[in-house]
Amino acid sequence: MKLTGNEEKIMHILWDSKKPLSSREISQISPSLKKTVVQTVLRKLSEKKFVKAVGITYSGSSITREFRPIVTEEEYFASLIPQDILNRVVSTFISSENDEEDIENLYKIIKDKYNSLHDLKEGKDV
């Protein structure tokens, strides 16, 4: 699902943050985003299952919710690429990669994923 410009701006702020953020904190990080716009966008991102309210904090004298991303930056951008093109890009990367450590890391990721899928197929807890 493609995000709008303001949705993507807010997601980048949340992805870059080490902690959940309130709408006030987001608008302070990016002053071009007014607090009311941030609140509206956070509601839409929550409906789209991109963010989740994870806490409540005080913002001045009022109580406000804090949000964190549910979708990672990598998951979002990978979702924008059609599967056949993504497969070709990964295949090309692997074919041209000459760093043994990078290949070993990729092998471990693929092996772990294969094993977890195999365990699911057999009905084992993962």
Protein backbone atom coordinates (compact mmCIF):
# COMPACT_ATOMS: atom_id res chain seq x y z
CA MET A 1 0.00 0.00 0.00
CA LYS A 2 1.52 3.32 -1.11
CA LEU A 3 1.68 6.05 1.52
CA THR A 4 0.89 9.71 0.88
CA GLY A 5 3.63 12.31 1.27
CA ASN A 6 2.67 13.28 4.84
CA GLU A 7 2.17 9.63 5.81
CA GLU A 8 5.66 8.78 4.54
CA LYS A 9 7.19 11.81 6.33
CA ILE A 10 5.65 10.72 9.62
CA MET A 11 6.66 7.10 9.10
CA HIS A 12 10.29 8.20 8.50
CA ILE A 13 10.21 10.15 11.77
CA LEU A 14 8.85 7.11 13.62
CA TRP A 15 11.30 4.73 11.92
CA ASP A 16 14.20 6.98 12.93
CA SER A 17 13.05 7.29 16.55
CA LYS A 18 14.32 4.99 19.27
CA LYS A 19 11.09 5.47 21.25
CA PRO A 20 7.36 5.90 20.63
CA LEU A 21 6.35 9.47 19.79
CA SER A 22 3.29 11.66 20.35
CA SER A 23 1.77 13.89 17.67
CA ARG A 24 3.28 16.90 19.47
CA GLU A 25 6.78 15.37 19.37
CA ILE A 26 6.40 14.55 15.68
CA SER A 27 5.31 18.10 14.85
CA GLN A 28 8.28 19.44 16.86
CA ILE A 29 10.67 17.22 14.88
CA SER A 30 9.12 18.40 11.61
CA PRO A 31 7.67 21.90 12.13
CA SER A 32 6.19 21.89 8.61
CA LEU A 33 3.72 19.27 9.89
CA LYS A 34 1.07 20.94 12.04
CA LYS A 35 -0.09 19.00 15.10
CA THR A 36 -3.66 18.65 13.75
CA VAL A 37 -2.31 17.24 10.47
CA VAL A 38 -0.09 14.82 12.38
CA GLN A 39 -3.05 13.66 14.47
CA THR A 40 -5.16 13.05 11.34
CA VAL A 41 -2.34 11.21 9.58
CA LEU A 42 -1.59 9.06 12.63
CA ARG A 43 -5.26 8.04 12.75
CA LYS A 44 -5.10 7.04 9.06
CA LEU A 45 -1.79 5.19 9.56
CA SER A 46 -3.34 3.36 12.48
CA GLU A 47 -6.34 2.34 10.34
CA LYS A 48 -3.93 1.09 7.65
CA LYS A 49 -2.05 -0.92 10.33
CA PHE A 50 1.22 0.98 9.84
CA VAL A 51 1.39 2.37 13.39
CA LYS A 52 0.08 1.38 16.79
CA ALA A 53 -0.70 3.43 19.91
CA VAL A 54 1.55 1.96 22.60
CA GLY A 55 1.35 4.39 25.46
CA ILE A 56 -0.13 7.49 26.98
CA THR A 57 1.84 10.50 28.14
CA TYR A 58 1.27 14.11 29.17
CA SER A 59 1.72 16.79 26.55
CA GLY A 60 1.62 20.02 28.52
CA SER A 61 -1.58 19.71 30.53
CA SER A 62 -3.33 17.20 28.28
CA ILE A 63 -2.98 13.46 27.87
CA THR A 64 -1.82 12.19 24.47
CA ARG A 65 -1.10 8.83 22.88
CA GLU A 66 2.35 7.70 21.78
CA PHE A 67 2.82 5.76 18.54
CA ARG A 68 5.36 3.35 17.16
CA PRO A 69 5.58 1.79 13.69
CA ILE A 70 4.26 -1.72 13.13
CA VAL A 71 5.64 -1.94 9.59
CA THR A 72 9.41 -1.61 9.20
CA GLU A 73 10.94 0.68 6.62
CA GLU A 74 12.34 -2.35 4.77
CA GLU A 75 8.95 -4.10 4.71
CA TYR A 76 7.26 -0.97 3.37
CA PHE A 77 9.71 -0.35 0.53
CA ALA A 78 9.88 -4.05 -0.37
CA SER A 79 6.07 -4.05 -0.65
CA LEU A 80 6.27 -1.34 -3.33
CA ILE A 81 8.33 -3.56 -5.64
CA PRO A 82 6.46 -6.21 -7.65
CA GLN A 83 7.48 -9.72 -6.55
CA ASP A 84 8.96 -10.74 -9.91
CA ILE A 85 11.19 -7.65 -10.01
CA LEU A 86 12.19 -8.13 -6.37
CA ASN A 87 13.17 -11.74 -7.13
CA ARG A 88 15.30 -10.58 -10.08
CA VAL A 89 16.98 -7.87 -8.02
CA VAL A 90 17.82 -10.32 -5.22
CA SER A 91 19.03 -12.89 -7.74
CA THR A 92 21.23 -10.30 -9.46
CA PHE A 93 22.62 -9.15 -6.13
CA ILE A 94 23.48 -12.71 -5.09
CA SER A 95 25.05 -13.48 -8.48
CA SER A 96 27.27 -10.41 -8.38
CA GLU A 97 28.14 -10.51 -4.66
CA ASN A 98 31.72 -11.57 -3.90
CA ASP A 99 31.89 -10.90 -0.17
CA GLU A 100 31.86 -14.26 1.61
CA GLU A 101 30.49 -12.75 4.83
CA ASP A 102 27.52 -11.15 3.00
CA ILE A 103 26.73 -14.45 1.26
CA GLU A 104 27.02 -16.30 4.58
CA ASN A 105 24.59 -13.84 6.21
CA LEU A 106 22.11 -14.24 3.34
CA TYR A 107 22.45 -18.01 3.53
CA LYS A 108 21.64 -17.94 7.26
CA ILE A 109 18.57 -15.75 6.68
CA ILE A 110 17.29 -18.05 3.92
CA LYS A 111 18.06 -21.21 5.92
CA ASP A 112 16.27 -19.86 9.02
CA LYS A 113 13.23 -18.87 6.95
CA TYR A 114 13.17 -22.25 5.18
CA ASN A 115 13.35 -24.08 8.52
CA SER A 116 10.55 -21.99 10.05
CA LEU A 117 8.32 -22.61 7.00
CA HIS A 118 9.13 -26.32 7.16
CA ASP A 119 8.29 -26.39 10.88
CA LEU A 120 4.97 -24.62 10.21
CA LYS A 121 4.12 -27.15 7.53
CA GLU A 122 4.75 -29.95 10.00
CA GLY A 123 2.67 -28.21 12.69
CA LYS A 124 5.59 -27.49 15.02
CA ASP A 125 5.66 -24.35 17.17
CA VAL A 126 8.02 -21.77 15.77
